[in-house]
Amino acid sequence: MKRICYFACYDSPDAGSSRTFTFAKELVRKGYKVTMITSSYNHLMGGKGKKINGLFFKENLKGVDVLWIYGLNYKSNENTYLRFIHMIQYSLLAFFISIFF
């Protein structure tokens, strides 16, 4: 079975843009094992991020393994510095956590 891993900081299954999750569900239907690594917070979520304890939370949604990485809440897309820190933080956590999953 082929495995696919999507890194999608700003796409999430339940808020904002869900395009990557839609692709992932179709790939699961075709027989692939898909993992999606996304952020627990981004400005597209409208202020409501995924509540997680710790650095990450893993769940299976419609056959897709979703790894929610802790995301720094920067409140809006107007705060350039916090958004930049969020991107760096997501990239580092996603890289190291993906090694183990």
PDB file of N, CA and C in Angstrom:
ATOM      1  N   MET A   1       0.852  -1.182   0.000  1.00  0.00           N
ATOM      2  CA  MET A   1       0.000   0.000   0.000  1.00  0.00           C
ATOM      3  C   MET A   1       0.896   1.243   0.000  1.00  0.00           C
ATOM      4  N   LYS A   2       0.633   2.147  -0.903  1.00  0.00           N
ATOM      5  CA  LYS A   2       1.396   3.382  -0.960  1.00  0.00           C
ATOM      6  C   LYS A   2       0.897   4.349   0.102  1.00  0.00           C
ATOM      7  N   ARG A   3       1.850   5.102   0.639  1.00  0.00           N
ATOM      8  CA  ARG A   3       1.533   6.086   1.668  1.00  0.00           C
ATOM      9  C   ARG A   3       1.765   7.485   1.137  1.00  0.00           C
ATOM     10  N   ILE A   4       0.897   8.396   1.512  1.00  0.00           N
ATOM     11  CA  ILE A   4       1.007   9.791   1.107  1.00  0.00           C
ATOM     12  C   ILE A   4       0.893  10.653   2.363  1.00  0.00           C
ATOM     13  N   CYS A   5       1.751  11.660   2.454  1.00  0.00           N
ATOM     14  CA  CYS A   5       1.705  12.592   3.576  1.00  0.00           C
ATOM     15  C   CYS A   5       1.541  14.004   3.021  1.00  0.00           C
ATOM     16  N   TYR A   6       0.463  14.665   3.433  1.00  0.00           N
ATOM     17  CA  TYR A   6       0.220  16.055   3.064  1.00  0.00           C
ATOM     18  C   TYR A   6       0.627  16.956   4.222  1.00  0.00           C
ATOM     19  N   PHE A   7       1.422  17.970   3.947  1.00  0.00           N
ATOM     20  CA  PHE A   7       1.705  19.023   4.911  1.00  0.00           C
ATOM     21  C   PHE A   7       0.848  20.212   4.493  1.00  0.00           C
ATOM     22  N   ALA A   8      -0.084  20.601   5.332  1.00  0.00           N
ATOM     23  CA  ALA A   8      -1.038  21.646   4.947  1.00  0.00           C
ATOM     24  C   ALA A   8      -1.340  22.537   6.148  1.00  0.00           C
ATOM     25  N   CYS A   9      -0.514  23.518   6.354  1.00  0.00           N
ATOM     26  CA  CYS A   9      -0.663  24.399   7.509  1.00  0.00           C
ATOM     27  C   CYS A   9      -1.990  25.144   7.502  1.00  0.00           C
ATOM     28  N   TYR A  10      -2.427  25.603   6.339  1.00  0.00           N
ATOM     29  CA  TYR A  10      -3.634  26.424   6.261  1.00  0.00           C
ATOM     30  C   TYR A  10      -4.852  25.698   5.719  1.00  0.00           C
ATOM     31  N   ASP A  11      -4.735  24.424   5.437  1.00  0.00           N
ATOM     32  CA  ASP A  11      -5.898  23.617   5.066  1.00  0.00           C
ATOM     33  C   ASP A  11      -6.221  22.722   6.259  1.00  0.00           C
ATOM     34  N   SER A  12      -7.476  22.653   6.611  1.00  0.00           N
ATOM     35  CA  SER A  12      -7.875  21.771   7.707  1.00  0.00           C
ATOM     36  C   SER A  12      -9.213  21.124   7.382  1.00  0.00           C
ATOM     37  N   PRO A  13      -9.481  19.962   7.959  1.00  0.00           N
ATOM     38  CA  PRO A  13     -10.701  19.231   7.620  1.00  0.00           C
ATOM     39  C   PRO A  13     -11.994  19.956   7.966  1.00  0.00           C
ATOM     40  N   ASP A  14     -11.988  20.790   8.993  1.00  0.00           N
ATOM     41  CA  ASP A  14     -13.256  21.335   9.470  1.00  0.00           C
ATOM     42  C   ASP A  14     -13.371  22.857   9.468  1.00  0.00           C
ATOM     43  N   ALA A  15     -12.403  23.553   8.888  1.00  0.00           N
ATOM     44  CA  ALA A  15     -12.493  25.017   8.877  1.00  0.00           C
ATOM     45  C   ALA A  15     -11.569  25.606   7.821  1.00  0.00           C
ATOM     46  N   GLY A  16     -11.876  26.802   7.428  1.00  0.00           N
ATOM     47  CA  GLY A  16     -11.021  27.467   6.445  1.00  0.00           C
ATOM     48  C   GLY A  16     -11.092  26.758   5.106  1.00  0.00           C
ATOM     49  N   SER A  17      -9.951  26.401   4.586  1.00  0.00           N
ATOM     50  CA  SER A  17      -9.866  25.699   3.310  1.00  0.00           C
ATOM     51  C   SER A  17      -9.744  24.198   3.560  1.00  0.00           C
ATOM     52  N   SER A  18     -10.587  23.412   2.938  1.00  0.00           N
ATOM     53  CA  SER A  18     -10.573  21.956   3.166  1.00  0.00           C
ATOM     54  C   SER A  18     -10.175  21.187   1.906  1.00  0.00           C
ATOM     55  N   ARG A  19      -9.571  21.863   0.942  1.00  0.00           N
ATOM     56  CA  ARG A  19      -9.206  21.252  -0.335  1.00  0.00           C
ATOM     57  C   ARG A  19      -8.296  20.037  -0.154  1.00  0.00           C
ATOM     58  N   THR A  20      -7.274  20.140   0.684  1.00  0.00           N
ATOM     59  CA  THR A  20      -6.343  19.030   0.888  1.00  0.00           C
ATOM     60  C   THR A  20      -7.057  17.828   1.490  1.00  0.00           C
ATOM     61  N   PHE A  21      -7.976  18.062   2.417  1.00  0.00           N
ATOM     62  CA  PHE A  21      -8.727  16.973   3.029  1.00  0.00           C
ATOM     63  C   PHE A  21      -9.618  16.287   1.993  1.00  0.00           C
ATOM     64  N   THR A  22     -10.187  17.055   1.080  1.00  0.00           N
ATOM     65  CA  THR A  22     -11.007  16.486   0.007  1.00  0.00           C
ATOM     66  C   THR A  22     -10.160  15.576  -0.885  1.00  0.00           C
ATOM     67  N   PHE A  23      -8.961  16.026  -1.252  1.00  0.00           N
ATOM     68  CA  PHE A  23      -8.041  15.186  -2.032  1.00  0.00           C
ATOM     69  C   PHE A  23      -7.680  13.925  -1.268  1.00  0.00           C
ATOM     70  N   ALA A  24      -7.390  14.093   0.028  1.00  0.00           N
ATOM     71  CA  ALA A  24      -6.974  12.961   0.862  1.00  0.00           C
ATOM     72  C   ALA A  24      -8.072  11.904   0.947  1.00  0.00           C
ATOM     73  N   LYS A  25      -9.325  12.314   1.115  1.00  0.00           N
ATOM     74  CA  LYS A  25     -10.434  11.349   1.177  1.00  0.00           C
ATOM     75  C   LYS A  25     -10.541  10.550  -0.110  1.00  0.00           C
ATOM     76  N   GLU A  26     -10.354  11.206  -1.247  1.00  0.00           N
ATOM     77  CA  GLU A  26     -10.432  10.517  -2.535  1.00  0.00           C
ATOM     78  C   GLU A  26      -9.284   9.519  -2.687  1.00  0.00           C
ATOM     79  N   LEU A  27      -8.097   9.892  -2.239  1.00  0.00           N
ATOM     80  CA  LEU A  27      -6.955   8.975  -2.314  1.00  0.00           C
ATOM     81  C   LEU A  27      -7.162   7.757  -1.405  1.00  0.00           C
ATOM     82  N   VAL A  28      -7.773   7.958  -0.239  1.00  0.00           N
ATOM     83  CA  VAL A  28      -8.100   6.837   0.653  1.00  0.00           C
ATOM     84  C   VAL A  28      -9.083   5.912  -0.045  1.00  0.00           C
ATOM     85  N   ARG A  29     -10.071   6.481  -0.714  1.00  0.00           N
ATOM     86  CA  ARG A  29     -11.061   5.688  -1.442  1.00  0.00           C
ATOM     87  C   ARG A  29     -10.396   4.841  -2.526  1.00  0.00           C
ATOM     88  N   LYS A  30      -9.296   5.337  -3.086  1.00  0.00           N
ATOM     89  CA  LYS A  30      -8.571   4.607  -4.133  1.00  0.00           C
ATOM     90  C   LYS A  30      -7.539   3.635  -3.560  1.00  0.00           C
ATOM     91  N   GLY A  31      -7.471   3.528  -2.235  1.00  0.00           N
ATOM     92  CA  GLY A  31      -6.618   2.520  -1.621  1.00  0.00           C
ATOM     93  C   GLY A  31      -5.303   2.996  -1.031  1.00  0.00           C
ATOM     94  N   TYR A  32      -5.063   4.291  -0.999  1.00  0.00           N
ATOM     95  CA  TYR A  32      -3.838   4.823  -0.413  1.00  0.00           C
ATOM     96  C   TYR A  32      -3.998   5.034   1.085  1.00  0.00           C
ATOM     97  N   LYS A  33      -2.901   5.016   1.806  1.00  0.00           N
ATOM     98  CA  LYS A  33      -2.895   5.381   3.225  1.00  0.00           C
ATOM     99  C   LYS A  33      -2.421   6.828   3.278  1.00  0.00           C
ATOM    100  N   VAL A  34      -3.285   7.718   3.758  1.00  0.00           N
ATOM    101  CA  VAL A  34      -2.988   9.147   3.711  1.00  0.00           C
ATOM    102  C   VAL A  34      -2.921   9.727   5.119  1.00  0.00           C
ATOM    103  N   THR A  35      -1.873  10.514   5.344  1.00  0.00           N
ATOM    104  CA  THR A  35      -1.725  11.274   6.578  1.00  0.00           C
ATOM    105  C   THR A  35      -1.684  12.751   6.202  1.00  0.00           C
ATOM    106  N   MET A  36      -2.462  13.538   6.910  1.00  0.00           N
ATOM    107  CA  MET A  36      -2.495  14.981   6.696  1.00  0.00           C
ATOM    108  C   MET A  36      -1.985  15.650   7.961  1.00  0.00           C
ATOM    109  N   ILE A  37      -0.978  16.494   7.812  1.00  0.00           N
ATOM    110  CA  ILE A  37      -0.419  17.212   8.957  1.00  0.00           C
ATOM    111  C   ILE A  37      -0.804  18.677   8.815  1.00  0.00           C
ATOM    112  N   THR A  38      -1.611  19.150   9.754  1.00  0.00           N
ATOM    113  CA  THR A  38      -2.139  20.506   9.673  1.00  0.00           C
ATOM    114  C   THR A  38      -1.965  21.217  11.008  1.00  0.00           C
ATOM    115  N   SER A  39      -2.230  22.496  11.021  1.00  0.00           N
ATOM    116  CA  SER A  39      -2.089  23.306  12.229  1.00  0.00           C
ATOM    117  C   SER A  39      -3.406  23.350  12.997  1.00  0.00           C
ATOM    118  N   SER A  40      -3.299  23.406  14.313  1.00  0.00           N
ATOM    119  CA  SER A  40      -4.508  23.498  15.135  1.00  0.00           C
ATOM    120  C   SER A  40      -5.118  24.894  15.085  1.00  0.00           C
ATOM    121  N   TYR A  41      -4.392  25.850  14.513  1.00  0.00           N
ATOM    122  CA  TYR A  41      -4.913  27.206  14.385  1.00  0.00           C
ATOM    123  C   TYR A  41      -4.379  27.850  13.113  1.00  0.00           C
ATOM    124  N   ASN A  42      -5.221  28.568  12.420  1.00  0.00           N
ATOM    125  CA  ASN A  42      -4.797  29.474  11.354  1.00  0.00           C
ATOM    126  C   ASN A  42      -5.871  30.540  11.187  1.00  0.00           C
ATOM    127  N   HIS A  43      -5.534  31.615  10.532  1.00  0.00           N
ATOM    128  CA  HIS A  43      -6.452  32.754  10.436  1.00  0.00           C
ATOM    129  C   HIS A  43      -7.725  32.446   9.656  1.00  0.00           C
ATOM    130  N   LEU A  44      -7.747  31.354   8.887  1.00  0.00           N
ATOM    131  CA  LEU A  44      -8.952  30.989   8.148  1.00  0.00           C
ATOM    132  C   LEU A  44     -10.018  30.335   9.037  1.00  0.00           C
ATOM    133  N   MET A  45      -9.653  29.990  10.267  1.00  0.00           N
ATOM    134  CA  MET A  45     -10.588  29.323  11.171  1.00  0.00           C
ATOM    135  C   MET A  45     -11.534  30.294  11.872  1.00  0.00           C
ATOM    136  N   GLY A  46     -11.379  31.563  11.637  1.00  0.00           N
ATOM    137  CA  GLY A  46     -12.284  32.545  12.234  1.00  0.00           C
ATOM    138  C   GLY A  46     -12.187  32.625  13.744  1.00  0.00           C
ATOM    139  N   GLY A  47     -11.004  32.456  14.292  1.00  0.00           N
ATOM    140  CA  GLY A  47     -10.800  32.588  15.734  1.00  0.00           C
ATOM    141  C   GLY A  47     -11.045  31.326  16.534  1.00  0.00           C
ATOM    142  N   LYS A  48     -11.536  30.255  15.910  1.00  0.00           N
ATOM    143  CA  LYS A  48     -11.793  29.020  16.648  1.00  0.00           C
ATOM    144  C   LYS A  48     -10.843  27.931  16.151  1.00  0.00           C
ATOM    145  N   GLY A  49      -9.813  27.707  16.905  1.00  0.00           N
ATOM    146  CA  GLY A  49      -8.860  26.669  16.544  1.00  0.00           C
ATOM    147  C   GLY A  49      -9.237  25.337  17.161  1.00  0.00           C
ATOM    148  N   LYS A  50      -8.568  24.293  16.724  1.00  0.00           N
ATOM    149  CA  LYS A  50      -8.753  22.954  17.290  1.00  0.00           C
ATOM    150  C   LYS A  50      -8.064  22.916  18.645  1.00  0.00           C
ATOM    151  N   LYS A  51      -8.790  22.550  19.677  1.00  0.00           N
ATOM    152  CA  LYS A  51      -8.221  22.481  21.025  1.00  0.00           C
ATOM    153  C   LYS A  51      -7.454  21.181  21.186  1.00  0.00           C
ATOM    154  N   ILE A  52      -6.159  21.301  21.459  1.00  0.00           N
ATOM    155  CA  ILE A  52      -5.336  20.116  21.681  1.00  0.00           C
ATOM    156  C   ILE A  52      -4.499  20.322  22.933  1.00  0.00           C
ATOM    157  N   ASN A  53      -4.179  19.229  23.600  1.00  0.00           N
ATOM    158  CA  ASN A  53      -3.282  19.266  24.752  1.00  0.00           C
ATOM    159  C   ASN A  53      -1.928  18.754  24.298  1.00  0.00           C
ATOM    160  N   GLY A  54      -0.895  19.530  24.497  1.00  0.00           N
ATOM    161  CA  GLY A  54       0.435  19.117  24.075  1.00  0.00           C
ATOM    162  C   GLY A  54       0.795  19.668  22.714  1.00  0.00           C
ATOM    163  N   LEU A  55       1.761  19.031  22.072  1.00  0.00           N
ATOM    164  CA  LEU A  55       2.265  19.530  20.793  1.00  0.00           C
ATOM    165  C   LEU A  55       1.483  19.030  19.588  1.00  0.00           C
ATOM    166  N   PHE A  56       0.768  17.893  19.741  1.00  0.00           N
ATOM    167  CA  PHE A  56      -0.003  17.383  18.609  1.00  0.00           C
ATOM    168  C   PHE A  56      -1.116  16.467  19.093  1.00  0.00           C
ATOM    169  N   PHE A  57      -2.064  16.232  18.195  1.00  0.00           N
ATOM    170  CA  PHE A  57      -3.184  15.335  18.452  1.00  0.00           C
ATOM    171  C   PHE A  57      -3.444  14.564  17.167  1.00  0.00           C
ATOM    172  N   LYS A  58      -3.595  13.251  17.271  1.00  0.00           N
ATOM    173  CA  LYS A  58      -3.825  12.423  16.091  1.00  0.00           C
ATOM    174  C   LYS A  58      -5.242  11.865  16.130  1.00  0.00           C
ATOM    175  N   GLU A  59      -5.931  11.937  14.986  1.00  0.00           N
ATOM    176  CA  GLU A  59      -7.254  11.337  14.872  1.00  0.00           C
ATOM    177  C   GLU A  59      -7.456  10.855  13.445  1.00  0.00           C
ATOM    178  N   ASN A  60      -8.431   9.979  13.274  1.00  0.00           N
ATOM    179  CA  ASN A  60      -8.759   9.472  11.956  1.00  0.00           C
ATOM    180  C   ASN A  60     -10.122  10.021  11.565  1.00  0.00           C
ATOM    181  N   LEU A  61     -10.152  10.756  10.466  1.00  0.00           N
ATOM    182  CA  LEU A  61     -11.397  11.338   9.970  1.00  0.00           C
ATOM    183  C   LEU A  61     -11.679  10.801   8.577  1.00  0.00           C
ATOM    184  N   LYS A  62     -12.739  10.025   8.451  1.00  0.00           N
ATOM    185  CA  LYS A  62     -13.159   9.465   7.159  1.00  0.00           C
ATOM    186  C   LYS A  62     -12.031   8.720   6.460  1.00  0.00           C
ATOM    187  N   GLY A  63     -11.225   8.003   7.249  1.00  0.00           N
ATOM    188  CA  GLY A  63     -10.144   7.193   6.694  1.00  0.00           C
ATOM    189  C   GLY A  63      -8.803   7.905   6.579  1.00  0.00           C
ATOM    190  N   VAL A  64      -8.789   9.215   6.781  1.00  0.00           N
ATOM    191  CA  VAL A  64      -7.561  10.008   6.689  1.00  0.00           C
ATOM    192  C   VAL A  64      -6.996  10.197   8.091  1.00  0.00           C
ATOM    193  N   ASP A  65      -5.723   9.835   8.288  1.00  0.00           N
ATOM    194  CA  ASP A  65      -5.060  10.124   9.560  1.00  0.00           C
ATOM    195  C   ASP A  65      -4.698  11.604   9.569  1.00  0.00           C
ATOM    196  N   VAL A  66      -5.218  12.331  10.543  1.00  0.00           N
ATOM    197  CA  VAL A  66      -4.955  13.764  10.643  1.00  0.00           C
ATOM    198  C   VAL A  66      -4.119  14.014  11.883  1.00  0.00           C
ATOM    199  N   LEU A  67      -2.961  14.630  11.690  1.00  0.00           N
ATOM    200  CA  LEU A  67      -2.109  15.050  12.795  1.00  0.00           C
ATOM    201  C   LEU A  67      -2.272  16.554  12.947  1.00  0.00           C
ATOM    202  N   TRP A  68      -2.872  16.961  14.053  1.00  0.00           N
ATOM    203  CA  TRP A  68      -3.041  18.379  14.346  1.00  0.00           C
ATOM    204  C   TRP A  68      -1.812  18.825  15.131  1.00  0.00           C
ATOM    205  N   ILE A  69      -1.043  19.747  14.583  1.00  0.00           N
ATOM    206  CA  ILE A  69       0.138  20.292  15.233  1.00  0.00           C
ATOM    207  C   ILE A  69      -0.273  21.553  15.979  1.00  0.00           C
ATOM    208  N   TYR A  70       0.239  21.708  17.203  1.00  0.00           N
ATOM    209  CA  TYR A  70      -0.076  22.917  17.959  1.00  0.00           C
ATOM    210  C   TYR A  70       0.295  24.150  17.144  1.00  0.00           C
ATOM    211  N   GLY A  71      -0.658  25.066  16.999  1.00  0.00           N
ATOM    212  CA  GLY A  71      -0.430  26.299  16.244  1.00  0.00           C
ATOM    213  C   GLY A  71      -0.570  27.518  17.138  1.00  0.00           C
ATOM    214  N   LEU A  72       0.405  28.382  17.080  1.00  0.00           N
ATOM    215  CA  LEU A  72       0.386  29.635  17.826  1.00  0.00           C
ATOM    216  C   LEU A  72      -0.800  30.479  17.365  1.00  0.00           C
ATOM    217  N   ASN A  73      -1.621  30.939  18.300  1.00  0.00           N
ATOM    218  CA  ASN A  73      -2.776  31.780  17.956  1.00  0.00           C
ATOM    219  C   ASN A  73      -2.302  33.207  17.747  1.00  0.00           C
ATOM    220  N   TYR A  74      -2.462  33.691  16.524  1.00  0.00           N
ATOM    221  CA  TYR A  74      -2.005  35.050  16.239  1.00  0.00           C
ATOM    222  C   TYR A  74      -3.163  35.984  15.966  1.00  0.00           C
ATOM    223  N   LYS A  75      -4.354  35.563  16.276  1.00  0.00           N
ATOM    224  CA  LYS A  75      -5.591  36.348  16.284  1.00  0.00           C
ATOM    225  C   LYS A  75      -6.075  36.860  14.935  1.00  0.00           C
ATOM    226  N   SER A  76      -5.230  37.318  14.063  1.00  0.00           N
ATOM    227  CA  SER A  76      -5.692  37.767  12.746  1.00  0.00           C
ATOM    228  C   SER A  76      -4.531  37.720  11.770  1.00  0.00           C
ATOM    229  N   ASN A  77      -4.831  37.869  10.507  1.00  0.00           N
ATOM    230  CA  ASN A  77      -3.767  37.849   9.507  1.00  0.00           C
ATOM    231  C   ASN A  77      -3.058  39.195   9.393  1.00  0.00           C
ATOM    232  N   GLU A  78      -3.423  40.150  10.247  1.00  0.00           N
ATOM    233  CA  GLU A  78      -2.776  41.454  10.240  1.00  0.00           C
ATOM    234  C   GLU A  78      -1.488  41.472  11.057  1.00  0.00           C
ATOM    235  N   ASN A  79      -1.301  40.512  11.937  1.00  0.00           N
ATOM    236  CA  ASN A  79      -0.119  40.483  12.782  1.00  0.00           C
ATOM    237  C   ASN A  79       0.984  39.690  12.077  1.00  0.00           C
ATOM    238  N   THR A  80       1.766  40.380  11.280  1.00  0.00           N
ATOM    239  CA  THR A  80       2.769  39.751  10.420  1.00  0.00           C
ATOM    240  C   THR A  80       3.811  38.984  11.212  1.00  0.00           C
ATOM    241  N   TYR A  81       4.289  39.530  12.323  1.00  0.00           N
ATOM    242  CA  TYR A  81       5.354  38.878  13.091  1.00  0.00           C
ATOM    243  C   TYR A  81       4.886  37.572  13.717  1.00  0.00           C
ATOM    244  N   LEU A  82       3.722  37.591  14.346  1.00  0.00           N
ATOM    245  CA  LEU A  82       3.216  36.356  14.953  1.00  0.00           C
ATOM    246  C   LEU A  82       2.861  35.317  13.895  1.00  0.00           C
ATOM    247  N   ARG A  83       2.363  35.759  12.771  1.00  0.00           N
ATOM    248  CA  ARG A  83       2.050  34.822  11.694  1.00  0.00           C
ATOM    249  C   ARG A  83       3.332  34.173  11.162  1.00  0.00           C
ATOM    250  N   PHE A  84       4.388  34.945  11.036  1.00  0.00           N
ATOM    251  CA  PHE A  84       5.680  34.410  10.605  1.00  0.00           C
ATOM    252  C   PHE A  84       6.204  33.397  11.621  1.00  0.00           C
ATOM    253  N   ILE A  85       6.114  33.730  12.898  1.00  0.00           N
ATOM    254  CA  ILE A  85       6.548  32.797  13.952  1.00  0.00           C
ATOM    255  C   ILE A  85       5.718  31.523  13.886  1.00  0.00           C
ATOM    256  N   HIS A  86       4.413  31.661  13.636  1.00  0.00           N
ATOM    257  CA  HIS A  86       3.525  30.500  13.501  1.00  0.00           C
ATOM    258  C   HIS A  86       3.994  29.585  12.366  1.00  0.00           C
ATOM    259  N   MET A  87       4.359  30.162  11.235  1.00  0.00           N
ATOM    260  CA  MET A  87       4.814  29.357  10.092  1.00  0.00           C
ATOM    261  C   MET A  87       6.106  28.606  10.406  1.00  0.00           C
ATOM    262  N   ILE A  88       7.039  29.277  11.049  1.00  0.00           N
ATOM    263  CA  ILE A  88       8.306  28.632  11.433  1.00  0.00           C
ATOM    264  C   ILE A  88       8.037  27.527  12.451  1.00  0.00           C
ATOM    265  N   GLN A  89       7.222  27.832  13.441  1.00  0.00           N
ATOM    266  CA  GLN A  89       6.897  26.857  14.496  1.00  0.00           C
ATOM    267  C   GLN A  89       6.207  25.629  13.900  1.00  0.00           C
ATOM    268  N   TYR A  90       5.234  25.848  13.002  1.00  0.00           N
ATOM    269  CA  TYR A  90       4.549  24.735  12.350  1.00  0.00           C
ATOM    270  C   TYR A  90       5.541  23.886  11.556  1.00  0.00           C
ATOM    271  N   SER A  91       6.397  24.542  10.778  1.00  0.00           N
ATOM    272  CA  SER A  91       7.352  23.816   9.936  1.00  0.00           C
ATOM    273  C   SER A  91       8.271  22.925  10.761  1.00  0.00           C
ATOM    274  N   LEU A  92       8.796  23.448  11.838  1.00  0.00           N
ATOM    275  CA  LEU A  92       9.704  22.662  12.683  1.00  0.00           C
ATOM    276  C   LEU A  92       8.972  21.501  13.361  1.00  0.00           C
ATOM    277  N   LEU A  93       7.825  21.792  13.977  1.00  0.00           N
ATOM    278  CA  LEU A  93       7.070  20.724  14.645  1.00  0.00           C
ATOM    279  C   LEU A  93       6.601  19.667  13.646  1.00  0.00           C
ATOM    280  N   ALA A  94       6.095  20.093  12.511  1.00  0.00           N
ATOM    281  CA  ALA A  94       5.606  19.136  11.508  1.00  0.00           C
ATOM    282  C   ALA A  94       6.737  18.244  11.015  1.00  0.00           C
ATOM    283  N   PHE A  95       7.909  18.818  10.797  1.00  0.00           N
ATOM    284  CA  PHE A  95       9.042  18.030  10.330  1.00  0.00           C
ATOM    285  C   PHE A  95       9.418  16.969  11.359  1.00  0.00           C
ATOM    286  N   PHE A  96       9.619  17.377  12.606  1.00  0.00           N
ATOM    287  CA  PHE A  96      10.068  16.420  13.622  1.00  0.00           C
ATOM    288  C   PHE A  96       9.000  15.393  13.985  1.00  0.00           C
ATOM    289  N   ILE A  97       7.746  15.803  14.063  1.00  0.00           N
ATOM    290  CA  ILE A  97       6.672  14.874  14.403  1.00  0.00           C
ATOM    291  C   ILE A  97       6.440  13.896  13.255  1.00  0.00           C
ATOM    292  N   SER A  98       6.575  14.354  11.998  1.00  0.00           N
ATOM    293  CA  SER A  98       6.355  13.461  10.860  1.00  0.00           C
ATOM    294  C   SER A  98       7.391  12.341  10.793  1.00  0.00           C
ATOM    295  N   ILE A  99       8.547  12.542  11.351  1.00  0.00           N
ATOM    296  CA  ILE A  99       9.582  11.503  11.371  1.00  0.00           C
ATOM    297  C   ILE A  99       9.103  10.294  12.173  1.00  0.00           C
ATOM    298  N   PHE A 100       8.328  10.532  13.202  1.00  0.00           N
ATOM    299  CA  PHE A 100       7.884   9.456  14.091  1.00  0.00           C
ATOM    300  C   PHE A 100       6.546   8.843  13.710  1.00  0.00           C
ATOM    301  N   PHE A 101       5.809   9.449  12.766  1.00  0.00           N
ATOM    302  CA  PHE A 101       4.499   8.912  12.385  1.00  0.00           C
ATOM    303  C   PHE A 101       4.532   8.547  10.950  1.00  0.00           C
TER     304      PHE A 101
END
